[in-house]
Amino acid sequence: METSFGFQKVAEEAKEKLVGGVFSSVASRYDLMNDAMSAGMHRLWKDTFVGHVNVPPTAAILDLAGGTGDIAVRLHKRTGAEVTVCDINADMLSVGRARQFDKARSEGLRWVCGNAEALPVPDASQDIITIAFGLRNVTHIDKALAEIHRALKPGRQFLCLEFSKVTVPVMAKIYDAYSFHVIPRVGQLLAGDKDSYQYLVESIRMFPSQEELAARMRAVGFTHVKYTNLTMGVVAIHQGWKV
């Protein structure tokens, strides 16, 4: 079986290693590159995303693909709850843990190396599960969604922040030109790695549309599924509940 690695078709069993190589390569400059690529907008998107979370300090929160700790720090600050950061890439976790420790923001965070397609948590154990800019990198999106559903307690919520499909045609053309002509060059300039950022741009284009992802969430059992577009659909926040 084949799957997409950006615009390439690769064997399913090869994608995890290829994606791992991308994030190991960019780990040390990941946050810097996010600022450069989004002109700082990713910070506003993440703040808006975490603003949808309303749980007590006793909640069990699992943040997937959260290696830098960027979302987890925001979640802990908003809720006071302990946040488990789960990422498949040990290099991203190492960089994130060191960075948050250096900034004295590591309190309330727990770091676990794990795969979104086989979560290292019991059934119905989490009050909320989040993933930001990570779902498009898993090999089997539907398998990851099913795992997230399994791990949630009944009546609890899943939140996903991900690049999506721009809803305004003129903006879509500008965004495409910027993505394909500017971002890889910035990646080369700031991180010395054009190919990894070329992949990241391509992976965004290969990710399901807002409606398609919503349908796939419903297919694995989520209810009350909805999404909110930010910046004309450059990114979208998806929400779903487990009954």
C-alpha atoms as a PDB file:
ATOM      1  CA  MET A   1       0.000   0.000   0.000  1.00  0.00           C
ATOM      2  CA  GLU A   2       1.117   3.539  -0.759  1.00  0.00           C
ATOM      3  CA  THR A   3       0.477   6.864   0.940  1.00  0.00           C
ATOM      4  CA  SER A   4       1.483  10.461   0.339  1.00  0.00           C
ATOM      5  CA  PHE A   5       4.678  12.057   1.537  1.00  0.00           C
ATOM      6  CA  GLY A   6       4.025  15.543   0.298  1.00  0.00           C
ATOM      7  CA  PHE A   7       3.362  15.135  -3.410  1.00  0.00           C
ATOM      8  CA  GLN A   8       5.323  11.865  -3.550  1.00  0.00           C
ATOM      9  CA  LYS A   9       3.801   8.415  -3.270  1.00  0.00           C
ATOM     10  CA  VAL A  10       5.708   6.201  -0.851  1.00  0.00           C
ATOM     11  CA  ALA A  11       5.154   2.856   0.823  1.00  0.00           C
ATOM     12  CA  GLU A  12       3.049   3.229   3.963  1.00  0.00           C
ATOM     13  CA  GLU A  13       5.753   1.647   6.083  1.00  0.00           C
ATOM     14  CA  ALA A  14       8.280   4.237   4.844  1.00  0.00           C
ATOM     15  CA  LYS A  15       6.340   7.413   5.672  1.00  0.00           C
ATOM     16  CA  GLU A  16       6.895   7.383   9.424  1.00  0.00           C
ATOM     17  CA  LYS A  17      10.663   7.308   8.981  1.00  0.00           C
ATOM     18  CA  LEU A  18      10.601   9.992   6.282  1.00  0.00           C
ATOM     19  CA  VAL A  19       8.450  12.329   8.378  1.00  0.00           C
ATOM     20  CA  GLY A  20      10.681  11.612  11.353  1.00  0.00           C
ATOM     21  CA  GLY A  21      13.684  12.716   9.326  1.00  0.00           C
ATOM     22  CA  VAL A  22      11.965  15.989   8.436  1.00  0.00           C
ATOM     23  CA  PHE A  23      11.195  16.902  12.037  1.00  0.00           C
ATOM     24  CA  SER A  24      14.549  15.763  13.394  1.00  0.00           C
ATOM     25  CA  SER A  25      16.124  18.065  10.808  1.00  0.00           C
ATOM     26  CA  VAL A  26      14.037  21.127  11.734  1.00  0.00           C
ATOM     27  CA  ALA A  27      13.591  20.528  15.488  1.00  0.00           C
ATOM     28  CA  SER A  28      16.083  23.117  16.741  1.00  0.00           C
ATOM     29  CA  ARG A  29      14.638  25.899  14.560  1.00  0.00           C
ATOM     30  CA  TYR A  30      11.014  24.799  14.387  1.00  0.00           C
ATOM     31  CA  ASP A  31       9.524  27.719  16.354  1.00  0.00           C
ATOM     32  CA  LEU A  32      11.717  30.265  14.565  1.00  0.00           C
ATOM     33  CA  MET A  33      10.560  28.915  11.226  1.00  0.00           C
ATOM     34  CA  ASN A  34       6.917  29.016  12.301  1.00  0.00           C
ATOM     35  CA  ASP A  35       7.320  32.718  13.051  1.00  0.00           C
ATOM     36  CA  ALA A  36       9.041  33.350   9.726  1.00  0.00           C
ATOM     37  CA  MET A  37       6.564  31.344   7.631  1.00  0.00           C
ATOM     38  CA  SER A  38       3.401  32.737   9.219  1.00  0.00           C
ATOM     39  CA  ALA A  39       4.621  36.249  10.068  1.00  0.00           C
ATOM     40  CA  GLY A  40       3.843  35.379  13.683  1.00  0.00           C
ATOM     41  CA  MET A  41       0.239  34.414  12.927  1.00  0.00           C
ATOM     42  CA  HIS A  42       0.747  30.904  14.306  1.00  0.00           C
ATOM     43  CA  ARG A  43       0.853  32.414  17.801  1.00  0.00           C
ATOM     44  CA  LEU A  44      -2.584  33.987  17.342  1.00  0.00           C
ATOM     45  CA  TRP A  45      -3.969  30.777  15.843  1.00  0.00           C
ATOM     46  CA  LYS A  46      -2.680  28.755  18.797  1.00  0.00           C
ATOM     47  CA  ASP A  47      -4.073  31.235  21.324  1.00  0.00           C
ATOM     48  CA  THR A  48      -7.469  31.067  19.621  1.00  0.00           C
ATOM     49  CA  PHE A  49      -7.293  27.264  19.536  1.00  0.00           C
ATOM     50  CA  VAL A  50      -6.520  26.926  23.245  1.00  0.00           C
ATOM     51  CA  GLY A  51      -9.251  29.461  23.984  1.00  0.00           C
ATOM     52  CA  HIS A  52     -11.756  26.737  23.043  1.00  0.00           C
ATOM     53  CA  VAL A  53     -10.573  24.557  25.930  1.00  0.00           C
ATOM     54  CA  ASN A  54     -12.654  24.692  29.103  1.00  0.00           C
ATOM     55  CA  VAL A  55     -11.731  22.014  31.627  1.00  0.00           C
ATOM     56  CA  PRO A  56     -10.969  22.060  35.382  1.00  0.00           C
ATOM     57  CA  PRO A  57      -7.469  21.725  36.910  1.00  0.00           C
ATOM     58  CA  THR A  58      -8.197  18.058  37.631  1.00  0.00           C
ATOM     59  CA  ALA A  59      -8.604  17.235  33.924  1.00  0.00           C
ATOM     60  CA  ALA A  60      -6.385  14.781  32.087  1.00  0.00           C
ATOM     61  CA  ILE A  61      -5.131  16.593  28.967  1.00  0.00           C
ATOM     62  CA  LEU A  62      -3.229  14.904  26.163  1.00  0.00           C
ATOM     63  CA  ASP A  63      -1.545  17.084  23.528  1.00  0.00           C
ATOM     64  CA  LEU A  64      -0.462  15.088  20.479  1.00  0.00           C
ATOM     65  CA  ALA A  65       2.392  15.996  18.119  1.00  0.00           C
ATOM     66  CA  GLY A  66       3.239  18.628  20.713  1.00  0.00           C
ATOM     67  CA  GLY A  67       6.996  18.191  20.862  1.00  0.00           C
ATOM     68  CA  THR A  68       7.927  21.866  21.264  1.00  0.00           C
ATOM     69  CA  GLY A  69       5.514  22.264  24.180  1.00  0.00           C
ATOM     70  CA  ASP A  70       4.027  25.333  22.530  1.00  0.00           C
ATOM     71  CA  ILE A  71       0.410  24.204  22.907  1.00  0.00           C
ATOM     72  CA  ALA A  72       0.940  22.401  26.208  1.00  0.00           C
ATOM     73  CA  VAL A  73       2.273  25.518  27.924  1.00  0.00           C
ATOM     74  CA  ARG A  74      -0.799  27.436  26.793  1.00  0.00           C
ATOM     75  CA  LEU A  75      -3.109  24.620  27.940  1.00  0.00           C
ATOM     76  CA  HIS A  76      -1.528  24.442  31.390  1.00  0.00           C
ATOM     77  CA  LYS A  77      -1.645  28.222  31.785  1.00  0.00           C
ATOM     78  CA  ARG A  78      -5.334  28.309  30.792  1.00  0.00           C
ATOM     79  CA  THR A  79      -6.555  25.343  32.839  1.00  0.00           C
ATOM     80  CA  GLY A  80      -4.030  24.692  35.596  1.00  0.00           C
ATOM     81  CA  ALA A  81      -4.201  21.000  34.672  1.00  0.00           C
ATOM     82  CA  GLU A  82      -1.257  18.716  34.022  1.00  0.00           C
ATOM     83  CA  VAL A  83      -0.691  18.255  30.302  1.00  0.00           C
ATOM     84  CA  THR A  84       0.887  15.168  28.768  1.00  0.00           C
ATOM     85  CA  VAL A  85       2.879  16.086  25.665  1.00  0.00           C
ATOM     86  CA  CYS A  86       2.985  13.118  23.289  1.00  0.00           C
ATOM     87  CA  ASP A  87       5.131  13.175  20.160  1.00  0.00           C
ATOM     88  CA  ILE A  88       6.533  10.392  17.996  1.00  0.00           C
ATOM     89  CA  ASN A  89       9.779  12.296  17.404  1.00  0.00           C
ATOM     90  CA  ALA A  90      12.301  12.088  20.243  1.00  0.00           C
ATOM     91  CA  ASP A  91      14.313  15.021  18.861  1.00  0.00           C
ATOM     92  CA  MET A  92      11.297  17.320  18.938  1.00  0.00           C
ATOM     93  CA  LEU A  93      10.511  16.227  22.504  1.00  0.00           C
ATOM     94  CA  SER A  94      14.104  16.813  23.585  1.00  0.00           C
ATOM     95  CA  VAL A  95      14.189  20.310  22.110  1.00  0.00           C
ATOM     96  CA  GLY A  96      10.766  21.167  23.534  1.00  0.00           C
ATOM     97  CA  ARG A  97      11.511  19.881  27.021  1.00  0.00           C
ATOM     98  CA  ALA A  98      14.830  21.757  27.166  1.00  0.00           C
ATOM     99  CA  ARG A  99      13.296  24.959  25.835  1.00  0.00           C
ATOM    100  CA  GLN A 100      10.409  24.999  28.298  1.00  0.00           C
ATOM    101  CA  PHE A 101      12.742  24.129  31.180  1.00  0.00           C
ATOM    102  CA  ASP A 102      15.056  27.003  30.222  1.00  0.00           C
ATOM    103  CA  LYS A 103      12.068  29.350  30.181  1.00  0.00           C
ATOM    104  CA  ALA A 104      10.878  28.018  33.579  1.00  0.00           C
ATOM    105  CA  ARG A 105       7.646  26.860  31.956  1.00  0.00           C
ATOM    106  CA  SER A 106       8.039  23.108  32.387  1.00  0.00           C
ATOM    107  CA  GLU A 107       5.855  22.839  35.501  1.00  0.00           C
ATOM    108  CA  GLY A 108       2.678  20.875  34.854  1.00  0.00           C
ATOM    109  CA  LEU A 109       4.028  19.248  31.695  1.00  0.00           C
ATOM    110  CA  ARG A 110       4.752  15.560  31.208  1.00  0.00           C
ATOM    111  CA  TRP A 111       6.642  14.332  28.136  1.00  0.00           C
ATOM    112  CA  VAL A 112       5.957  10.989  26.431  1.00  0.00           C
ATOM    113  CA  CYS A 113       7.281   9.553  23.171  1.00  0.00           C
ATOM    114  CA  GLY A 114       4.352   7.906  21.423  1.00  0.00           C
ATOM    115  CA  ASN A 115       2.533   7.335  18.154  1.00  0.00           C
ATOM    116  CA  ALA A 116      -0.850   8.979  17.489  1.00  0.00           C
ATOM    117  CA  GLU A 117      -1.916   5.741  15.772  1.00  0.00           C
ATOM    118  CA  ALA A 118      -1.262   3.702  18.941  1.00  0.00           C
ATOM    119  CA  LEU A 119      -1.638   6.048  21.897  1.00  0.00           C
ATOM    120  CA  PRO A 120       0.154   5.023  25.107  1.00  0.00           C
ATOM    121  CA  VAL A 121      -2.905   5.683  27.294  1.00  0.00           C
ATOM    122  CA  PRO A 122      -5.819   3.498  28.513  1.00  0.00           C
ATOM    123  CA  ASP A 123      -9.303   3.499  27.024  1.00  0.00           C
ATOM    124  CA  ALA A 124     -11.555   6.405  28.096  1.00  0.00           C
ATOM    125  CA  SER A 125      -8.806   8.034  30.171  1.00  0.00           C
ATOM    126  CA  GLN A 126      -8.543  11.585  28.776  1.00  0.00           C
ATOM    127  CA  ASP A 127     -10.759  14.603  29.390  1.00  0.00           C
ATOM    128  CA  ILE A 128      -9.534  16.399  26.308  1.00  0.00           C
ATOM    129  CA  ILE A 129      -7.134  15.586  23.475  1.00  0.00           C
ATOM    130  CA  THR A 130      -5.563  18.217  21.257  1.00  0.00           C
ATOM    131  CA  ILE A 131      -3.361  18.137  18.183  1.00  0.00           C
ATOM    132  CA  ALA A 132      -1.979  21.197  16.410  1.00  0.00           C
ATOM    133  CA  PHE A 133      -0.320  21.027  12.993  1.00  0.00           C
ATOM    134  CA  GLY A 134       0.379  17.328  13.397  1.00  0.00           C
ATOM    135  CA  LEU A 135      -2.516  15.300  12.046  1.00  0.00           C
ATOM    136  CA  ARG A 136      -1.431  15.745   8.437  1.00  0.00           C
ATOM    137  CA  ASN A 137       1.887  14.038   9.217  1.00  0.00           C
ATOM    138  CA  VAL A 138       0.497  10.718  10.451  1.00  0.00           C
ATOM    139  CA  THR A 139       0.452   7.819   8.036  1.00  0.00           C
ATOM    140  CA  HIS A 140      -3.143   6.754   8.686  1.00  0.00           C
ATOM    141  CA  ILE A 141      -5.318   9.728   9.647  1.00  0.00           C
ATOM    142  CA  ASP A 142      -8.411   7.598  10.244  1.00  0.00           C
ATOM    143  CA  LYS A 143      -6.504   5.255  12.535  1.00  0.00           C
ATOM    144  CA  ALA A 144      -5.244   8.208  14.575  1.00  0.00           C
ATOM    145  CA  LEU A 145      -8.759   9.647  14.812  1.00  0.00           C
ATOM    146  CA  ALA A 146     -10.082   6.277  16.000  1.00  0.00           C
ATOM    147  CA  GLU A 147      -7.319   6.087  18.625  1.00  0.00           C
ATOM    148  CA  ILE A 148      -8.162   9.574  19.861  1.00  0.00           C
ATOM    149  CA  HIS A 149     -11.819   8.582  20.119  1.00  0.00           C
ATOM    150  CA  ARG A 150     -10.854   5.442  22.053  1.00  0.00           C
ATOM    151  CA  ALA A 151      -8.738   7.361  24.546  1.00  0.00           C
ATOM    152  CA  LEU A 152     -11.341  10.038  25.332  1.00  0.00           C
ATOM    153  CA  LYS A 153     -13.769   9.721  28.207  1.00  0.00           C
ATOM    154  CA  PRO A 154     -17.444   9.738  27.160  1.00  0.00           C
ATOM    155  CA  GLY A 155     -18.755  13.273  26.867  1.00  0.00           C
ATOM    156  CA  ARG A 156     -15.278  14.701  26.333  1.00  0.00           C
ATOM    157  CA  GLN A 157     -13.811  16.717  23.471  1.00  0.00           C
ATOM    158  CA  PHE A 158     -11.184  16.452  20.740  1.00  0.00           C
ATOM    159  CA  LEU A 159      -9.695  19.600  19.224  1.00  0.00           C
ATOM    160  CA  CYS A 160      -7.554  19.773  16.085  1.00  0.00           C
ATOM    161  CA  LEU A 161      -5.786  22.828  14.672  1.00  0.00           C
ATOM    162  CA  GLU A 162      -4.515  22.257  11.163  1.00  0.00           C
ATOM    163  CA  PHE A 163      -3.720  24.013   7.909  1.00  0.00           C
ATOM    164  CA  SER A 164      -6.738  23.743   5.649  1.00  0.00           C
ATOM    165  CA  LYS A 165      -8.265  24.944   2.385  1.00  0.00           C
ATOM    166  CA  VAL A 166      -8.436  28.697   1.767  1.00  0.00           C
ATOM    167  CA  THR A 167     -12.031  29.727   1.125  1.00  0.00           C
ATOM    168  CA  VAL A 168     -11.424  32.957  -0.843  1.00  0.00           C
ATOM    169  CA  PRO A 169     -10.155  32.318  -4.427  1.00  0.00           C
ATOM    170  CA  VAL A 170      -7.948  35.425  -4.660  1.00  0.00           C
ATOM    171  CA  MET A 171      -6.411  34.672  -1.269  1.00  0.00           C
ATOM    172  CA  ALA A 172      -5.877  31.053  -2.335  1.00  0.00           C
ATOM    173  CA  LYS A 173      -3.752  32.160  -5.306  1.00  0.00           C
ATOM    174  CA  ILE A 174      -1.655  34.497  -3.160  1.00  0.00           C
ATOM    175  CA  TYR A 175      -1.253  31.797  -0.511  1.00  0.00           C
ATOM    176  CA  ASP A 176      -0.156  29.220  -3.078  1.00  0.00           C
ATOM    177  CA  ALA A 177       2.434  31.562  -4.554  1.00  0.00           C
ATOM    178  CA  TYR A 178       3.781  32.393  -1.103  1.00  0.00           C
ATOM    179  CA  SER A 179       3.827  28.765   0.024  1.00  0.00           C
ATOM    180  CA  PHE A 180       5.654  27.294  -2.942  1.00  0.00           C
ATOM    181  CA  HIS A 181       7.991  30.159  -3.807  1.00  0.00           C
ATOM    182  CA  VAL A 182       8.804  31.745  -0.447  1.00  0.00           C
ATOM    183  CA  ILE A 183       8.568  29.191   2.356  1.00  0.00           C
ATOM    184  CA  PRO A 184      11.140  26.685   0.989  1.00  0.00           C
ATOM    185  CA  ARG A 185      13.574  29.548   0.343  1.00  0.00           C
ATOM    186  CA  VAL A 186      13.092  30.865   3.878  1.00  0.00           C
ATOM    187  CA  GLY A 187      13.687  27.318   5.108  1.00  0.00           C
ATOM    188  CA  GLN A 188      16.970  27.231   3.223  1.00  0.00           C
ATOM    189  CA  LEU A 189      17.983  30.652   4.517  1.00  0.00           C
ATOM    190  CA  LEU A 190      17.124  30.214   8.199  1.00  0.00           C
ATOM    191  CA  ALA A 191      17.459  26.469   8.699  1.00  0.00           C
ATOM    192  CA  GLY A 192      19.678  25.381   5.812  1.00  0.00           C
ATOM    193  CA  ASP A 193      16.952  22.916   4.837  1.00  0.00           C
ATOM    194  CA  LYS A 194      14.853  23.661   1.775  1.00  0.00           C
ATOM    195  CA  ASP A 195      13.600  20.088   1.236  1.00  0.00           C
ATOM    196  CA  SER A 196      11.959  19.714   4.659  1.00  0.00           C
ATOM    197  CA  TYR A 197       9.968  22.892   4.193  1.00  0.00           C
ATOM    198  CA  GLN A 198       9.032  21.898   0.664  1.00  0.00           C
ATOM    199  CA  TYR A 199       7.549  18.741   2.203  1.00  0.00           C
ATOM    200  CA  LEU A 200       5.657  20.749   4.817  1.00  0.00           C
ATOM    201  CA  VAL A 201       4.085  22.928   2.120  1.00  0.00           C
ATOM    202  CA  GLU A 202       3.143  19.895   0.046  1.00  0.00           C
ATOM    203  CA  SER A 203       1.705  18.067   3.063  1.00  0.00           C
ATOM    204  CA  ILE A 204      -0.651  20.988   3.653  1.00  0.00           C
ATOM    205  CA  ARG A 205      -1.990  20.726   0.105  1.00  0.00           C
ATOM    206  CA  MET A 206      -2.530  16.971   0.477  1.00  0.00           C
ATOM    207  CA  PHE A 207      -4.481  17.285   3.733  1.00  0.00           C
ATOM    208  CA  PRO A 208      -8.268  16.789   3.610  1.00  0.00           C
ATOM    209  CA  SER A 209     -10.552  19.805   3.262  1.00  0.00           C
ATOM    210  CA  GLN A 210     -12.557  21.086   6.204  1.00  0.00           C
ATOM    211  CA  GLU A 211     -15.661  19.133   5.165  1.00  0.00           C
ATOM    212  CA  GLU A 212     -13.749  15.953   4.408  1.00  0.00           C
ATOM    213  CA  LEU A 213     -11.975  15.931   7.759  1.00  0.00           C
ATOM    214  CA  ALA A 214     -15.272  16.588   9.536  1.00  0.00           C
ATOM    215  CA  ALA A 215     -16.789  13.597   7.726  1.00  0.00           C
ATOM    216  CA  ARG A 216     -13.864  11.391   8.703  1.00  0.00           C
ATOM    217  CA  MET A 217     -14.226  12.427  12.333  1.00  0.00           C
ATOM    218  CA  ARG A 218     -17.891  11.452  12.241  1.00  0.00           C
ATOM    219  CA  ALA A 219     -17.001   8.129  10.609  1.00  0.00           C
ATOM    220  CA  VAL A 220     -14.949   7.025  13.643  1.00  0.00           C
ATOM    221  CA  GLY A 221     -17.678   8.011  16.088  1.00  0.00           C
ATOM    222  CA  PHE A 222     -17.329  11.699  16.917  1.00  0.00           C
ATOM    223  CA  THR A 223     -20.549  13.686  17.287  1.00  0.00           C
ATOM    224  CA  HIS A 224     -21.392  17.403  17.226  1.00  0.00           C
ATOM    225  CA  VAL A 225     -18.486  17.822  14.824  1.00  0.00           C
ATOM    226  CA  LYS A 226     -17.829  21.376  13.688  1.00  0.00           C
ATOM    227  CA  TYR A 227     -15.007  23.536  12.408  1.00  0.00           C
ATOM    228  CA  THR A 228     -14.040  27.191  12.523  1.00  0.00           C
ATOM    229  CA  ASN A 229     -11.953  28.771   9.772  1.00  0.00           C
ATOM    230  CA  LEU A 230      -9.209  31.205  10.727  1.00  0.00           C
ATOM    231  CA  THR A 231      -7.548  33.629   8.304  1.00  0.00           C
ATOM    232  CA  MET A 232      -9.955  32.735   5.488  1.00  0.00           C
ATOM    233  CA  GLY A 233      -9.329  29.013   5.892  1.00  0.00           C
ATOM    234  CA  VAL A 234      -5.535  29.053   5.951  1.00  0.00           C
ATOM    235  CA  VAL A 235      -6.067  27.075   9.149  1.00  0.00           C
ATOM    236  CA  ALA A 236      -9.145  25.582  10.763  1.00  0.00           C
ATOM    237  CA  ILE A 237     -10.081  24.443  14.252  1.00  0.00           C
ATOM    238  CA  HIS A 238     -11.987  21.151  14.257  1.00  0.00           C
ATOM    239  CA  GLN A 239     -13.972  19.989  17.265  1.00  0.00           C
ATOM    240  CA  GLY A 240     -15.713  16.721  18.019  1.00  0.00           C
ATOM    241  CA  TRP A 241     -17.202  15.006  21.055  1.00  0.00           C
ATOM    242  CA  LYS A 242     -17.329  11.392  22.181  1.00  0.00           C
ATOM    243  CA  VAL A 243     -20.731  10.292  23.459  1.00  0.00           C
END
